[in-house]
PDB file of all heavy atoms in Angstrom:
ATOM      1  N   GLY A   1      11.436  30.699 -53.417  1.00  0.00           N
ATOM      2  CA  GLY A   1      12.590  30.161 -52.621  1.00  0.00           C
ATOM      3  C   GLY A   1      13.857  30.974 -52.827  1.00  0.00           C
ATOM      4  O   GLY A   1      14.659  31.154 -51.920  1.00  0.00           O
ATOM      5  N   ILE A   2      14.066  31.401 -54.069  1.00  0.00           N
ATOM      6  CA  ILE A   2      15.307  32.159 -54.389  1.00  0.00           C
ATOM      7  C   ILE A   2      15.312  33.514 -53.684  1.00  0.00           C
ATOM      8  O   ILE A   2      16.293  33.852 -53.003  1.00  0.00           O
ATOM      9  CB  ILE A   2      15.425  32.344 -55.894  1.00  0.00           C
ATOM     10  CG1 ILE A   2      15.753  31.055 -56.598  1.00  0.00           C
ATOM     11  CG2 ILE A   2      16.548  33.388 -56.243  1.00  0.00           C
ATOM     12  CD1 ILE A   2      15.718  31.083 -58.115  1.00  0.00           C
ATOM     13  N   ARG A   3      14.190  34.204 -53.713  1.00  0.00           N
ATOM     14  CA  ARG A   3      14.131  35.482 -53.051  1.00  0.00           C
ATOM     15  C   ARG A   3      14.164  35.343 -51.514  1.00  0.00           C
ATOM     16  O   ARG A   3      14.733  36.174 -50.806  1.00  0.00           O
ATOM     17  CB  ARG A   3      12.873  36.285 -53.459  1.00  0.00           C
ATOM     18  CG  ARG A   3      12.899  36.750 -54.910  1.00  0.00           C
ATOM     19  CD  ARG A   3      14.099  37.524 -55.232  1.00  0.00           C
ATOM     20  NE  ARG A   3      14.083  38.060 -56.580  1.00  0.00           N
ATOM     21  CZ  ARG A   3      15.144  38.432 -57.296  1.00  0.00           C
ATOM     22  NH1 ARG A   3      16.355  38.365 -56.740  1.00  0.00           N
ATOM     23  NH2 ARG A   3      15.024  38.908 -58.503  1.00  0.00           N
ATOM     24  N   ALA A   4      13.605  34.276 -50.987  1.00  0.00           N
ATOM     25  CA  ALA A   4      13.711  34.020 -49.550  1.00  0.00           C
ATOM     26  C   ALA A   4      15.142  33.790 -49.157  1.00  0.00           C
ATOM     27  O   ALA A   4      15.646  34.323 -48.158  1.00  0.00           O
ATOM     28  CB  ALA A   4      12.819  32.818 -49.176  1.00  0.00           C
ATOM     29  N   ALA A   5      15.850  32.997 -49.972  1.00  0.00           N
ATOM     30  CA  ALA A   5      17.259  32.676 -49.647  1.00  0.00           C
ATOM     31  C   ALA A   5      18.105  33.951 -49.733  1.00  0.00           C
ATOM     32  O   ALA A   5      18.961  34.173 -48.886  1.00  0.00           O
ATOM     33  CB  ALA A   5      17.796  31.641 -50.627  1.00  0.00           C
ATOM     34  N   GLU A   6      17.850  34.790 -50.744  1.00  0.00           N
ATOM     35  CA  GLU A   6      18.592  36.040 -50.929  1.00  0.00           C
ATOM     36  C   GLU A   6      18.381  36.925 -49.694  1.00  0.00           C
ATOM     37  O   GLU A   6      19.344  37.543 -49.194  1.00  0.00           O
ATOM     38  CB  GLU A   6      18.154  36.683 -52.148  1.00  0.00           C
ATOM     39  CG  GLU A   6      18.828  38.032 -52.422  1.00  0.00           C
ATOM     40  CD  GLU A   6      18.226  38.740 -53.625  1.00  0.00           C
ATOM     41  OE1 GLU A   6      16.996  38.685 -53.805  1.00  0.00           O
ATOM     42  OE2 GLU A   6      18.936  39.414 -54.343  1.00  0.00           O
ATOM     43  N   THR A   7      17.174  37.034 -49.212  1.00  0.00           N
ATOM     44  CA  THR A   7      16.868  37.945 -48.094  1.00  0.00           C
ATOM     45  C   THR A   7      17.517  37.443 -46.817  1.00  0.00           C
ATOM     46  O   THR A   7      18.074  38.234 -46.032  1.00  0.00           O
ATOM     47  CB  THR A   7      15.331  38.037 -47.901  1.00  0.00           C
ATOM     48  OG1 THR A   7      14.732  38.494 -49.111  1.00  0.00           O
ATOM     49  CG2 THR A   7      14.966  38.962 -46.787  1.00  0.00           C
ATOM     50  N   LEU A   8      17.473  36.141 -46.584  1.00  0.00           N
ATOM     51  CA  LEU A   8      18.111  35.620 -45.386  1.00  0.00           C
ATOM     52  C   LEU A   8      19.658  35.754 -45.433  1.00  0.00           C
ATOM     53  O   LEU A   8      20.266  36.053 -44.454  1.00  0.00           O
ATOM     54  CB  LEU A   8      17.751  34.171 -45.214  1.00  0.00           C
ATOM     55  CG  LEU A   8      16.265  33.859 -44.915  1.00  0.00           C
ATOM     56  CD1 LEU A   8      15.980  32.372 -44.927  1.00  0.00           C
ATOM     57  CD2 LEU A   8      15.873  34.466 -43.584  1.00  0.00           C
ATOM     58  N   ALA A   9      20.211  35.501 -46.619  1.00  0.00           N
ATOM     59  CA  ALA A   9      21.675  35.591 -46.768  1.00  0.00           C
ATOM     60  C   ALA A   9      22.135  37.025 -46.567  1.00  0.00           C
ATOM     61  O   ALA A   9      23.193  37.278 -45.977  1.00  0.00           O
ATOM     62  CB  ALA A   9      22.087  35.097 -48.135  1.00  0.00           C
ATOM     63  N   ALA A  10      21.311  37.999 -46.977  1.00  0.00           N
ATOM     64  CA  ALA A  10      21.670  39.371 -46.823  1.00  0.00           C
ATOM     65  C   ALA A  10      21.706  39.821 -45.343  1.00  0.00           C
ATOM     66  O   ALA A  10      22.388  40.737 -44.981  1.00  0.00           O
ATOM     67  CB  ALA A  10      20.705  40.287 -47.576  1.00  0.00           C
ATOM     68  N   ALA A  11      20.959  39.064 -44.522  1.00  0.00           N
ATOM     69  CA  ALA A  11      20.957  39.311 -43.061  1.00  0.00           C
ATOM     70  C   ALA A  11      22.029  38.517 -42.361  1.00  0.00           C
ATOM     71  O   ALA A  11      22.078  38.544 -41.140  1.00  0.00           O
ATOM     72  CB  ALA A  11      19.584  38.907 -42.530  1.00  0.00           C
ATOM     73  N   GLY A  12      22.897  37.817 -43.112  1.00  0.00           N
ATOM     74  CA  GLY A  12      23.989  37.122 -42.478  1.00  0.00           C
ATOM     75  C   GLY A  12      23.714  35.669 -42.108  1.00  0.00           C
ATOM     76  O   GLY A  12      24.561  35.013 -41.490  1.00  0.00           O
ATOM     77  N   LEU A  13      22.553  35.161 -42.494  1.00  0.00           N
ATOM     78  CA  LEU A  13      22.205  33.756 -42.208  1.00  0.00           C
ATOM     79  C   LEU A  13      22.622  32.890 -43.414  1.00  0.00           C
ATOM     80  O   LEU A  13      22.781  33.376 -44.498  1.00  0.00           O
ATOM     81  CB  LEU A  13      20.713  33.633 -41.895  1.00  0.00           C
ATOM     82  CG  LEU A  13      20.215  34.458 -40.708  1.00  0.00           C
ATOM     83  CD1 LEU A  13      18.725  34.293 -40.523  1.00  0.00           C
ATOM     84  CD2 LEU A  13      20.957  34.076 -39.432  1.00  0.00           C
ATOM     85  N   ARG A  14      22.663  31.595 -43.134  1.00  0.00           N
ATOM     86  CA  ARG A  14      23.059  30.642 -44.205  1.00  0.00           C
ATOM     87  C   ARG A  14      22.038  29.573 -44.289  1.00  0.00           C
ATOM     88  O   ARG A  14      22.153  28.465 -43.728  1.00  0.00           O
ATOM     89  CB  ARG A  14      24.457  30.069 -43.892  1.00  0.00           C
ATOM     90  CG  ARG A  14      25.038  29.233 -45.026  1.00  0.00           C
ATOM     91  CD  ARG A  14      26.490  28.933 -44.730  1.00  0.00           C
ATOM     92  NE  ARG A  14      27.135  28.188 -45.813  1.00  0.00           N
ATOM     93  CZ  ARG A  14      27.446  26.879 -45.717  1.00  0.00           C
ATOM     94  NH1 ARG A  14      27.139  26.191 -44.606  1.00  0.00           N
ATOM     95  NH2 ARG A  14      28.057  26.244 -46.744  1.00  0.00           N
ATOM     96  N   PRO A  15      20.922  29.811 -45.011  1.00  0.00           N
ATOM     97  CA  PRO A  15      19.871  28.777 -45.109  1.00  0.00           C
ATOM     98  C   PRO A  15      20.244  27.603 -45.981  1.00  0.00           C
ATOM     99  O   PRO A  15      21.127  27.711 -46.861  1.00  0.00           O
ATOM    100  CB  PRO A  15      18.689  29.638 -45.727  1.00  0.00           C
ATOM    101  CG  PRO A  15      19.400  30.624 -46.556  1.00  0.00           C
ATOM    102  CD  PRO A  15      20.636  30.993 -45.770  1.00  0.00           C
ATOM    103  N   THR A  16      19.535  26.517 -45.789  1.00  0.00           N
ATOM    104  CA  THR A  16      19.671  25.356 -46.639  1.00  0.00           C
ATOM    105  C   THR A  16      18.463  25.360 -47.584  1.00  0.00           C
ATOM    106  O   THR A  16      17.292  25.492 -47.159  1.00  0.00           O
ATOM    107  CB  THR A  16      19.675  24.037 -45.815  1.00  0.00           C
ATOM    108  OG1 THR A  16      20.836  24.040 -44.968  1.00  0.00           O
ATOM    109  CG2 THR A  16      19.640  22.823 -46.707  1.00  0.00           C
ATOM    110  N   VAL A  17      18.746  25.217 -48.896  1.00  0.00           N
ATOM    111  CA  VAL A  17      17.692  25.265 -49.921  1.00  0.00           C
ATOM    112  C   VAL A  17      17.639  23.841 -50.535  1.00  0.00           C
ATOM    113  O   VAL A  17      18.623  23.394 -51.085  1.00  0.00           O
ATOM    114  CB  VAL A  17      17.956  26.311 -50.997  1.00  0.00           C
ATOM    115  CG1 VAL A  17      16.753  26.346 -52.005  1.00  0.00           C
ATOM    116  CG2 VAL A  17      18.112  27.699 -50.363  1.00  0.00           C
ATOM    117  N   ILE A  18      16.491  23.196 -50.443  1.00  0.00           N
ATOM    118  CA  ILE A  18      16.295  21.865 -50.966  1.00  0.00           C
ATOM    119  C   ILE A  18      15.335  21.981 -52.203  1.00  0.00           C
ATOM    120  O   ILE A  18      14.265  22.615 -52.087  1.00  0.00           O
ATOM    121  CB  ILE A  18      15.651  20.939 -49.929  1.00  0.00           C
ATOM    122  CG1 ILE A  18      16.499  20.946 -48.669  1.00  0.00           C
ATOM    123  CG2 ILE A  18      15.525  19.541 -50.523  1.00  0.00           C
ATOM    124  CD1 ILE A  18      15.809  20.153 -47.541  1.00  0.00           C
ATOM    125  N   ASP A  19      15.737  21.361 -53.264  1.00  0.00           N
ATOM    126  CA  ASP A  19      14.906  21.408 -54.505  1.00  0.00           C
ATOM    127  C   ASP A  19      15.006  20.162 -55.307  1.00  0.00           C
ATOM    128  O   ASP A  19      16.078  19.566 -55.323  1.00  0.00           O
ATOM    129  CB  ASP A  19      15.339  22.629 -55.314  1.00  0.00           C
ATOM    130  CG  ASP A  19      14.305  22.959 -56.451  1.00  0.00           C
ATOM    131  OD1 ASP A  19      13.186  23.288 -56.155  1.00  0.00           O
ATOM    132  OD2 ASP A  19      14.709  22.838 -57.622  1.00  0.00           O
ATOM    133  N   GLU A  20      13.918  19.839 -55.962  1.00  0.00           N
ATOM    134  CA  GLU A  20      13.952  18.616 -56.799  1.00  0.00           C
ATOM    135  C   GLU A  20      14.690  18.812 -58.128  1.00  0.00           C
ATOM    136  O   GLU A  20      15.085  17.835 -58.769  1.00  0.00           O
ATOM    137  CB  GLU A  20      12.518  18.167 -57.093  1.00  0.00           C
ATOM    138  CG  GLU A  20      11.745  17.723 -55.821  1.00  0.00           C
ATOM    139  CD  GLU A  20      10.329  17.319 -56.080  1.00  0.00           C
ATOM    140  OE1 GLU A  20       9.816  17.643 -57.168  1.00  0.00           O
ATOM    141  OE2 GLU A  20       9.745  16.677 -55.216  1.00  0.00           O
ATOM    142  N   GLY A  21      14.840  20.018 -58.567  1.00  0.00           N
ATOM    143  CA  GLY A  21      15.482  20.295 -59.828  1.00  0.00           C
ATOM    144  C   GLY A  21      16.989  20.196 -59.715  1.00  0.00           C
ATOM    145  O   GLY A  21      17.610  20.388 -58.653  1.00  0.00           O
ATOM    146  N   ALA A  22      17.652  20.023 -60.878  1.00  0.00           N
ATOM    147  CA  ALA A  22      19.119  19.987 -60.910  1.00  0.00           C
ATOM    148  C   ALA A  22      19.678  21.393 -60.715  1.00  0.00           C
ATOM    149  O   ALA A  22      20.786  21.576 -60.173  1.00  0.00           O
ATOM    150  CB  ALA A  22      19.600  19.390 -62.229  1.00  0.00           C
ATOM    151  N   GLN A  23      18.927  22.417 -61.146  1.00  0.00           N
ATOM    152  CA  GLN A  23      19.362  23.799 -60.991  1.00  0.00           C
ATOM    153  C   GLN A  23      18.158  24.607 -60.526  1.00  0.00           C
ATOM    154  O   GLN A  23      17.008  24.235 -60.787  1.00  0.00           O
ATOM    155  CB  GLN A  23      19.876  24.354 -62.307  1.00  0.00           C
ATOM    156  CG  GLN A  23      21.056  23.628 -62.883  1.00  0.00           C
ATOM    157  CD  GLN A  23      21.493  24.218 -64.199  1.00  0.00           C
ATOM    158  OE1 GLN A  23      22.274  25.193 -64.223  1.00  0.00           O
ATOM    159  NE2 GLN A  23      21.025  23.694 -65.315  1.00  0.00           N
ATOM    160  N   ALA A  24      18.422  25.737 -59.873  1.00  0.00           N
ATOM    161  CA  ALA A  24      17.346  26.540 -59.362  1.00  0.00           C
ATOM    162  C   ALA A  24      16.611  27.261 -60.499  1.00  0.00           C
ATOM    163  O   ALA A  24      17.176  27.439 -61.588  1.00  0.00           O
ATOM    164  CB  ALA A  24      17.932  27.631 -58.445  1.00  0.00           C
ATOM    165  N   GLY A  25      15.342  27.617 -60.228  1.00  0.00           N
ATOM    166  CA  GLY A  25      14.543  28.323 -61.248  1.00  0.00           C
ATOM    167  C   GLY A  25      13.091  27.920 -61.146  1.00  0.00           C
ATOM    168  O   GLY A  25      12.225  28.664 -61.605  1.00  0.00           O
ATOM    169  N   GLY A  26      12.776  26.739 -60.579  1.00  0.00           N
ATOM    170  CA  GLY A  26      11.412  26.311 -60.489  1.00  0.00           C
ATOM    171  C   GLY A  26      10.897  25.845 -61.826  1.00  0.00           C
ATOM    172  O   GLY A  26      11.614  25.714 -62.799  1.00  0.00           O
ATOM    173  N   GLN A  27       9.567  25.618 -61.850  1.00  0.00           N
ATOM    174  CA  GLN A  27       8.965  25.177 -63.120  1.00  0.00           C
ATOM    175  C   GLN A  27       8.907  26.332 -64.085  1.00  0.00           C
ATOM    176  O   GLN A  27       9.160  26.172 -65.300  1.00  0.00           O
ATOM    177  CB  GLN A  27       7.545  24.683 -62.830  1.00  0.00           C
ATOM    178  CG  GLN A  27       7.465  23.535 -61.873  1.00  0.00           C
ATOM    179  CD  GLN A  27       8.146  22.288 -62.397  1.00  0.00           C
ATOM    180  OE1 GLN A  27       8.627  22.243 -63.541  1.00  0.00           O
ATOM    181  NE2 GLN A  27       8.133  21.185 -61.646  1.00  0.00           N
ATOM    182  N   ILE A  28       8.589  27.555 -63.613  1.00  0.00           N
ATOM    183  CA  ILE A  28       8.364  28.658 -64.533  1.00  0.00           C
ATOM    184  C   ILE A  28       9.684  29.087 -65.185  1.00  0.00           C
ATOM    185  O   ILE A  28       9.680  29.426 -66.402  1.00  0.00           O
ATOM    186  CB  ILE A  28       7.732  29.873 -63.775  1.00  0.00           C
ATOM    187  CG1 ILE A  28       7.397  31.013 -64.690  1.00  0.00           C
ATOM    188  CG2 ILE A  28       8.626  30.343 -62.637  1.00  0.00           C
ATOM    189  CD1 ILE A  28       6.360  30.768 -65.683  1.00  0.00           C
ATOM    190  N   TYR A  29      10.783  29.030 -64.486  1.00  0.00           N
ATOM    191  CA  TYR A  29      12.076  29.381 -65.051  1.00  0.00           C
ATOM    192  C   TYR A  29      13.033  28.188 -65.039  1.00  0.00           C
ATOM    193  O   TYR A  29      14.200  28.317 -64.738  1.00  0.00           O
ATOM    194  CB  TYR A  29      12.671  30.499 -64.236  1.00  0.00           C
ATOM    195  CG  TYR A  29      11.861  31.813 -64.209  1.00  0.00           C
ATOM    196  CD1 TYR A  29      11.600  32.528 -63.054  1.00  0.00           C
ATOM    197  CD2 TYR A  29      11.259  32.279 -65.394  1.00  0.00           C
ATOM    198  CE1 TYR A  29      10.874  33.683 -63.079  1.00  0.00           C
ATOM    199  CE2 TYR A  29      10.506  33.413 -65.420  1.00  0.00           C
ATOM    200  CZ  TYR A  29      10.305  34.147 -64.217  1.00  0.00           C
ATOM    201  OH  TYR A  29       9.534  35.296 -64.249  1.00  0.00           O
ATOM    202  N   ARG A  30      12.452  27.078 -65.401  1.00  0.00           N
ATOM    203  CA  ARG A  30      13.206  25.776 -65.472  1.00  0.00           C
ATOM    204  C   ARG A  30      14.370  25.966 -66.476  1.00  0.00           C
ATOM    205  O   ARG A  30      14.211  26.458 -67.561  1.00  0.00           O
ATOM    206  CB  ARG A  30      12.296  24.641 -65.864  1.00  0.00           C
ATOM    207  CG  ARG A  30      13.065  23.349 -66.134  1.00  0.00           C
ATOM    208  CD  ARG A  30      12.104  22.276 -66.593  1.00  0.00           C
ATOM    209  NE  ARG A  30      11.274  21.788 -65.431  1.00  0.00           N
ATOM    210  CZ  ARG A  30      11.562  20.775 -64.661  1.00  0.00           C
ATOM    211  NH1 ARG A  30      12.698  20.111 -64.872  1.00  0.00           N
ATOM    212  NH2 ARG A  30      10.792  20.420 -63.697  1.00  0.00           N
ATOM    213  N   ARG A  31      15.551  25.490 -66.039  1.00  0.00           N
ATOM    214  CA  ARG A  31      16.721  25.595 -66.909  1.00  0.00           C
ATOM    215  C   ARG A  31      16.936  24.288 -67.673  1.00  0.00           C
ATOM    216  O   ARG A  31      16.771  23.187 -67.107  1.00  0.00           O
ATOM    217  CB  ARG A  31      17.912  25.910 -66.071  1.00  0.00           C
ATOM    218  CG  ARG A  31      17.917  27.419 -65.678  1.00  0.00           C
ATOM    219  CD  ARG A  31      19.251  27.808 -65.106  1.00  0.00           C
ATOM    220  NE  ARG A  31      19.326  27.708 -63.675  1.00  0.00           N
ATOM    221  CZ  ARG A  31      20.332  28.140 -62.934  1.00  0.00           C
ATOM    222  NH1 ARG A  31      21.378  28.653 -63.491  1.00  0.00           N
ATOM    223  NH2 ARG A  31      20.262  28.032 -61.624  1.00  0.00           N
ATOM    224  N   PRO A  32      17.393  24.359 -68.876  1.00  0.00           N
ATOM    225  CA  PRO A  32      17.747  23.211 -69.689  1.00  0.00           C
ATOM    226  C   PRO A  32      19.056  22.606 -69.215  1.00  0.00           C
ATOM    227  O   PRO A  32      19.827  23.249 -68.499  1.00  0.00           O
ATOM    228  CB  PRO A  32      17.803  23.689 -71.147  1.00  0.00           C
ATOM    229  CG  PRO A  32      18.248  25.138 -70.959  1.00  0.00           C
ATOM    230  CD  PRO A  32      17.582  25.630 -69.690  1.00  0.00           C
ATOM    231  N   PRO A  33      19.423  21.407 -69.671  1.00  0.00           N
ATOM    232  CA  PRO A  33      20.680  20.807 -69.295  1.00  0.00           C
ATOM    233  C   PRO A  33      21.827  21.522 -69.975  1.00  0.00           C
ATOM    234  O   PRO A  33      21.671  22.334 -70.902  1.00  0.00           O
ATOM    235  CB  PRO A  33      20.540  19.376 -69.777  1.00  0.00           C
ATOM    236  CG  PRO A  33      19.549  19.422 -70.909  1.00  0.00           C
ATOM    237  CD  PRO A  33      18.554  20.493 -70.485  1.00  0.00           C
ATOM    238  N   ASP A  34      23.080  21.289 -69.461  1.00  0.00           N
ATOM    239  CA  ASP A  34      24.224  21.906 -70.027  1.00  0.00           C
ATOM    240  C   ASP A  34      24.391  21.520 -71.489  1.00  0.00           C
ATOM    241  O   ASP A  34      24.099  20.363 -71.876  1.00  0.00           O
ATOM    242  CB  ASP A  34      25.512  21.451 -69.252  1.00  0.00           C
ATOM    243  CG  ASP A  34      25.517  21.968 -67.803  1.00  0.00           C
ATOM    244  OD1 ASP A  34      24.828  22.987 -67.558  1.00  0.00           O
ATOM    245  OD2 ASP A  34      26.203  21.382 -66.962  1.00  0.00           O
ATOM    246  N   GLY A  35      24.834  22.492 -72.308  1.00  0.00           N
ATOM    247  CA  GLY A  35      25.005  22.220 -73.693  1.00  0.00           C
ATOM    248  C   GLY A  35      23.787  22.514 -74.539  1.00  0.00           C
ATOM    249  O   GLY A  35      23.846  22.441 -75.783  1.00  0.00           O
ATOM    250  N   PHE A  36      22.658  22.846 -73.897  1.00  0.00           N
ATOM    251  CA  PHE A  36      21.460  23.215 -74.630  1.00  0.00           C
ATOM    252  C   PHE A  36      21.680  24.573 -75.332  1.00  0.00           C
ATOM    253  O   PHE A  36      22.172  25.506 -74.677  1.00  0.00           O
ATOM    254  CB  PHE A  36      20.302  23.327 -73.605  1.00  0.00           C
ATOM    255  CG  PHE A  36      18.945  23.217 -74.230  1.00  0.00           C
ATOM    256  CD1 PHE A  36      18.416  22.008 -74.654  1.00  0.00           C
ATOM    257  CD2 PHE A  36      18.145  24.399 -74.371  1.00  0.00           C
ATOM    258  CE1 PHE A  36      17.132  21.904 -75.148  1.00  0.00           C
ATOM    259  CE2 PHE A  36      16.887  24.273 -74.931  1.00  0.00           C
ATOM    260  CZ  PHE A  36      16.401  23.057 -75.331  1.00  0.00           C
ATOM    261  N   THR A  37      21.303  24.700 -76.534  1.00  0.00           N
ATOM    262  CA  THR A  37      21.699  25.829 -77.358  1.00  0.00           C
ATOM    263  C   THR A  37      20.674  26.929 -77.476  1.00  0.00           C
ATOM    264  O   THR A  37      20.922  28.044 -77.950  1.00  0.00           O
ATOM    265  CB  THR A  37      22.131  25.416 -78.750  1.00  0.00           C
ATOM    266  OG1 THR A  37      21.063  24.732 -79.322  1.00  0.00           O
ATOM    267  CG2 THR A  37      23.366  24.545 -78.716  1.00  0.00           C
ATOM    268  N   ARG A  38      19.432  26.686 -77.004  1.00  0.00           N
ATOM    269  CA  ARG A  38      18.401  27.743 -77.147  1.00  0.00           C
ATOM    270  C   ARG A  38      18.617  28.848 -76.116  1.00  0.00           C
ATOM    271  O   ARG A  38      18.734  28.611 -74.935  1.00  0.00           O
ATOM    272  CB  ARG A  38      17.034  27.114 -76.984  1.00  0.00           C
ATOM    273  CG  ARG A  38      16.663  26.102 -78.099  1.00  0.00           C
ATOM    274  CD  ARG A  38      15.325  25.500 -77.860  1.00  0.00           C
ATOM    275  NE  ARG A  38      14.282  26.413 -78.205  1.00  0.00           N
ATOM    276  CZ  ARG A  38      13.016  26.270 -77.760  1.00  0.00           C
ATOM    277  NH1 ARG A  38      12.710  25.205 -77.011  1.00  0.00           N
ATOM    278  NH2 ARG A  38      12.110  27.121 -78.106  1.00  0.00           N
ATOM    279  N   PRO A  39      18.626  30.070 -76.517  1.00  0.00           N
ATOM    280  CA  PRO A  39      18.949  31.207 -75.604  1.00  0.00           C
ATOM    281  C   PRO A  39      17.717  31.498 -74.681  1.00  0.00           C
ATOM    282  O   PRO A  39      16.595  31.058 -74.935  1.00  0.00           O
ATOM    283  CB  PRO A  39      19.142  32.403 -76.513  1.00  0.00           C
ATOM    284  CG  PRO A  39      18.377  32.021 -77.752  1.00  0.00           C
ATOM    285  CD  PRO A  39      18.431  30.560 -77.906  1.00  0.00           C
ATOM    286  N   PRO A  40      17.940  32.254 -73.575  1.00  0.00           N
ATOM    287  CA  PRO A  40      16.831  32.546 -72.621  1.00  0.00           C
ATOM    288  C   PRO A  40      15.677  33.271 -73.267  1.00  0.00           C
ATOM    289  O   PRO A  40      14.530  33.005 -72.895  1.00  0.00           O
ATOM    290  CB  PRO A  40      17.526  33.457 -71.571  1.00  0.00           C
ATOM    291  CG  PRO A  40      18.962  33.039 -71.614  1.00  0.00           C
ATOM    292  CD  PRO A  40      19.294  32.724 -73.040  1.00  0.00           C
ATOM    293  N   GLU A  41      15.963  34.136 -74.251  1.00  0.00           N
ATOM    294  CA  GLU A  41      14.870  34.831 -74.930  1.00  0.00           C
ATOM    295  C   GLU A  41      13.910  33.881 -75.629  1.00  0.00           C
ATOM    296  O   GLU A  41      12.705  34.148 -75.730  1.00  0.00           O
ATOM    297  CB  GLU A  41      15.482  35.836 -75.939  1.00  0.00           C
ATOM    298  CG  GLU A  41      16.203  37.025 -75.357  1.00  0.00           C
ATOM    299  CD  GLU A  41      17.576  36.601 -74.797  1.00  0.00           C
ATOM    300  OE1 GLU A  41      18.067  35.540 -75.183  1.00  0.00           O
ATOM    301  OE2 GLU A  41      18.108  37.408 -73.970  1.00  0.00           O
ATOM    302  N   THR A  42      14.432  32.783 -76.103  1.00  0.00           N
ATOM    303  CA  THR A  42      13.584  31.778 -76.730  1.00  0.00           C
ATOM    304  C   THR A  42      12.887  30.931 -75.685  1.00  0.00           C
ATOM    305  O   THR A  42      11.654  30.609 -75.857  1.00  0.00           O
ATOM    306  CB  THR A  42      14.425  30.873 -77.653  1.00  0.00           C
ATOM    307  OG1 THR A  42      15.093  31.631 -78.673  1.00  0.00           O
ATOM    308  CG2 THR A  42      13.558  29.802 -78.322  1.00  0.00           C
TER     309      THR A  42
END
């Protein structure tokens, strides 16, 4: 979804992205809540 949105935006379109997560990333790159101290490498 992120790469699709990026490609459409580069062409001058403004897509709507709907997601169940609080932040983008999906399951594989799920982001922790604000204030979480573990770095991305971990």
